[in-house]
Amino acid sequence: MKKEKYKIVVASNNPVKVAAALGGFQKMFPRLSFETEAVSVPSGVADQPMTDAETLLGAVNRVHAAKTAQPEADFWIGLEGGVEMDKGQLSAFAWIVVSSKDRLGKARTGAFYLPPAVTELVGQGLELGKANDQIFSQVNSKQKGGAIGILSDGAVGRKELYEQAVVLALVPFKNVQLYAL
């Protein structure tokens, strides 16, 4: 019997991440109803993860921390943005991890390369969002379109980039019979 409303705990207070989580669930399960609750939990990694592995670990850690903070939920989701050097260029992406009481799904967003001026500031220790704000004269861009929104002139925003990966992370939940435990 399906529930009236499923509770998703999003391991972030960032409204873009909360909207991406909800949007992904609604796209994958359009006949179900969801409510979200944002919870601020530590990632256990640097404020600006600098590798693919560190970014994934941050998303996993956020899911575990959200489960501990709100154990009564139906789903927990961690969304962690990160960067990694690739042949002298800095790429940006995010890892999405979704958990239920008995299942885990994960996916990575598409990646894109950052301009040299942003790369230089991140290399000096600045978080990507702050580097974007400084280079592009923005305020709190990570809670808006993010780097991809700025660089694509709004053709793709951070919400859309993350939402697609949420959908991908939910594939094992949509196809339970194919992803048997």
Protein backbone atom coordinates (compact mmCIF):
# COMPACT_ATOMS: atom_id res chain seq x y z
CA MET A 1 0.00 0.00 0.00
CA LYS A 2 1.48 3.32 -0.96
CA LYS A 3 1.80 6.10 1.52
CA GLU A 4 -0.05 9.37 1.23
CA LYS A 5 3.19 11.34 1.33
CA TYR A 6 6.83 10.23 1.38
CA LYS A 7 9.32 12.22 3.42
CA ILE A 8 12.66 13.13 1.86
CA VAL A 9 15.35 14.53 4.13
CA VAL A 10 17.73 16.68 2.11
CA ALA A 11 21.15 16.93 3.74
CA SER A 12 21.46 20.66 3.00
CA ASN A 13 19.70 23.94 3.69
CA ASN A 14 20.59 25.19 0.19
CA PRO A 15 17.26 25.87 -1.57
CA VAL A 16 18.71 24.86 -4.96
CA LYS A 17 19.65 21.42 -3.63
CA VAL A 18 16.26 20.98 -1.93
CA ALA A 19 14.45 21.94 -5.16
CA ALA A 20 16.64 19.60 -7.23
CA ALA A 21 15.98 16.71 -4.85
CA LEU A 22 12.23 17.22 -4.92
CA GLY A 23 12.18 17.74 -8.69
CA GLY A 24 14.11 14.53 -9.32
CA PHE A 25 11.77 12.48 -7.13
CA GLN A 26 8.71 14.02 -8.80
CA LYS A 27 10.06 13.23 -12.27
CA MET A 28 10.83 9.61 -11.40
CA PHE A 29 7.66 8.97 -9.39
CA PRO A 30 5.00 11.36 -10.76
CA ARG A 31 2.12 9.48 -9.15
CA LEU A 32 3.54 9.76 -5.65
CA SER A 33 3.52 12.70 -3.29
CA PHE A 34 6.63 13.95 -1.49
CA GLU A 35 7.54 16.43 1.19
CA THR A 36 11.06 17.62 1.87
CA GLU A 37 12.82 18.61 5.01
CA ALA A 38 16.17 20.34 4.85
CA VAL A 39 18.70 19.50 7.52
CA SER A 40 22.15 21.02 7.87
CA VAL A 41 24.65 18.22 8.45
CA PRO A 42 28.42 18.02 8.05
CA SER A 43 29.96 16.52 4.93
CA GLY A 44 33.09 15.34 6.72
CA VAL A 45 35.17 16.67 3.80
CA ALA A 46 36.63 20.05 2.91
CA ASP A 47 34.21 22.92 2.24
CA GLN A 48 35.44 22.67 -1.34
CA PRO A 49 36.02 19.02 -2.25
CA MET A 50 38.94 18.90 -4.68
CA THR A 51 38.59 15.40 -6.13
CA ASP A 52 35.90 13.11 -7.46
CA ALA A 53 36.45 10.68 -4.57
CA GLU A 54 36.28 13.41 -1.91
CA THR A 55 33.08 14.77 -3.45
CA LEU A 56 31.41 11.35 -3.44
CA LEU A 57 32.54 10.79 0.15
CA GLY A 58 30.96 14.12 1.13
CA ALA A 59 27.61 13.10 -0.38
CA VAL A 60 27.74 9.68 1.34
CA ASN A 61 28.66 11.28 4.68
CA ARG A 62 25.80 13.75 4.38
CA VAL A 63 23.32 10.91 3.78
CA HIS A 64 24.54 9.03 6.86
CA ALA A 65 24.39 12.19 8.99
CA ALA A 66 20.89 13.01 7.72
CA LYS A 67 19.74 9.46 8.57
CA THR A 68 21.05 9.90 12.08
CA ALA A 69 19.42 13.32 12.46
CA GLN A 70 16.03 12.33 10.97
CA PRO A 71 15.70 8.51 11.17
CA GLU A 72 11.92 8.51 10.59
CA ALA A 73 12.14 9.66 6.95
CA ASP A 74 11.53 7.49 3.89
CA PHE A 75 14.50 8.82 1.88
CA TRP A 76 17.69 10.72 2.59
CA ILE A 77 19.65 12.53 -0.07
CA GLY A 78 23.10 14.09 -0.13
CA LEU A 79 24.14 16.45 -2.91
CA GLU A 80 27.80 17.46 -2.90
CA GLY A 81 29.43 19.76 -5.43
CA GLY A 82 33.10 19.33 -6.16
CA VAL A 83 35.96 20.10 -8.50
CA GLU A 84 38.93 18.18 -9.86
CA MET A 85 41.97 19.11 -11.92
CA ASP A 86 42.05 17.45 -15.32
CA LYS A 87 45.10 18.08 -17.49
CA GLY A 88 45.53 21.60 -16.16
CA GLN A 89 41.84 22.53 -16.23
CA LEU A 90 39.47 22.54 -13.28
CA SER A 91 36.22 20.64 -13.86
CA ALA A 92 33.11 21.11 -11.74
CA PHE A 93 30.43 18.48 -11.00
CA ALA A 94 28.39 17.04 -8.14
CA TRP A 95 27.68 13.64 -6.64
CA ILE A 96 24.16 12.70 -5.59
CA VAL A 97 23.52 9.86 -3.11
CA VAL A 98 19.99 8.70 -2.27
CA SER A 99 19.21 6.20 0.47
CA SER A 100 16.11 4.51 1.81
CA LYS A 101 16.00 2.06 4.68
CA ASP A 102 17.06 -0.78 2.34
CA ARG A 103 18.44 0.71 -0.87
CA LEU A 104 21.16 3.08 -2.10
CA GLY A 105 21.52 4.93 -5.38
CA LYS A 106 24.21 7.29 -6.56
CA ALA A 107 25.00 9.29 -9.66
CA ARG A 108 27.26 12.07 -10.81
CA THR A 109 26.22 15.14 -12.73
CA GLY A 110 27.75 16.11 -16.01
CA ALA A 111 31.02 18.00 -15.66
CA PHE A 112 32.14 21.28 -17.18
CA TYR A 113 35.38 23.24 -17.12
CA LEU A 114 35.81 26.45 -15.20
CA PRO A 115 37.52 29.57 -16.56
CA PRO A 116 41.17 30.15 -15.59
CA ALA A 117 40.34 33.09 -13.28
CA VAL A 118 37.96 30.90 -11.24
CA THR A 119 40.45 28.02 -11.29
CA GLU A 120 43.14 30.31 -9.89
CA LEU A 121 40.98 31.45 -6.97
CA VAL A 122 39.87 27.90 -6.14
CA GLY A 123 43.55 26.86 -6.30
CA GLN A 124 44.26 29.55 -3.70
CA GLY A 125 41.75 27.91 -1.35
CA LEU A 126 38.54 29.80 -2.12
CA GLU A 127 35.32 27.79 -2.33
CA LEU A 128 33.89 27.65 -5.87
CA GLY A 129 30.76 29.64 -4.99
CA LYS A 130 32.82 32.44 -3.46
CA ALA A 131 35.21 32.43 -6.41
CA ASN A 132 32.26 32.73 -8.81
CA ASP A 133 30.80 35.58 -6.76
CA GLN A 134 34.10 37.41 -6.88
CA ILE A 135 34.86 36.87 -10.58
CA PHE A 136 31.32 37.41 -11.87
CA SER A 137 30.22 40.12 -9.37
CA GLN A 138 27.47 37.90 -7.95
CA VAL A 139 26.07 37.42 -4.45
CA ASN A 140 25.51 33.90 -3.12
CA SER A 141 25.52 32.36 -6.61
CA LYS A 142 25.65 28.83 -5.19
CA GLN A 143 22.10 29.25 -3.93
CA LYS A 144 21.03 30.36 -7.40
CA GLY A 145 22.20 29.10 -10.80
CA GLY A 146 25.74 28.36 -9.68
CA ALA A 147 28.77 28.38 -11.96
CA ILE A 148 26.93 26.55 -14.72
CA GLY A 149 24.07 29.05 -14.62
CA ILE A 150 26.49 31.95 -14.92
CA LEU A 151 28.64 30.37 -17.63
CA SER A 152 25.70 29.12 -19.72
CA ASP A 153 23.82 32.41 -19.29
CA GLY A 154 20.96 30.50 -17.68
CA ALA A 155 20.63 27.80 -20.35
CA VAL A 156 21.38 25.27 -17.59
CA GLY A 157 21.19 26.09 -13.90
CA ARG A 158 22.54 24.31 -10.89
CA LYS A 159 19.05 22.98 -10.06
CA GLU A 160 18.65 21.38 -13.48
CA LEU A 161 22.16 19.94 -13.43
CA TYR A 162 21.59 18.39 -10.00
CA GLU A 163 18.01 17.32 -10.70
CA GLN A 164 19.10 15.17 -13.64
CA ALA A 165 21.61 13.36 -11.43
CA VAL A 166 18.91 12.86 -8.76
CA VAL A 167 16.84 11.09 -11.42
CA LEU A 168 19.85 8.91 -12.29
CA ALA A 169 20.49 8.10 -8.62
CA LEU A 170 16.85 6.98 -8.32
CA VAL A 171 17.14 4.37 -11.10
CA PRO A 172 17.62 1.49 -8.58
CA PHE A 173 14.49 2.65 -6.72
CA LYS A 174 12.44 2.75 -9.92
CA ASN A 175 13.72 -0.67 -11.07
CA VAL A 176 13.80 -2.60 -7.81
CA GLN A 177 13.52 -5.99 -9.53
CA LEU A 178 16.69 -5.29 -11.56
CA TYR A 179 18.68 -4.07 -8.58
CA ALA A 180 17.83 -6.84 -6.12
CA LEU A 181 19.73 -6.72 -2.86
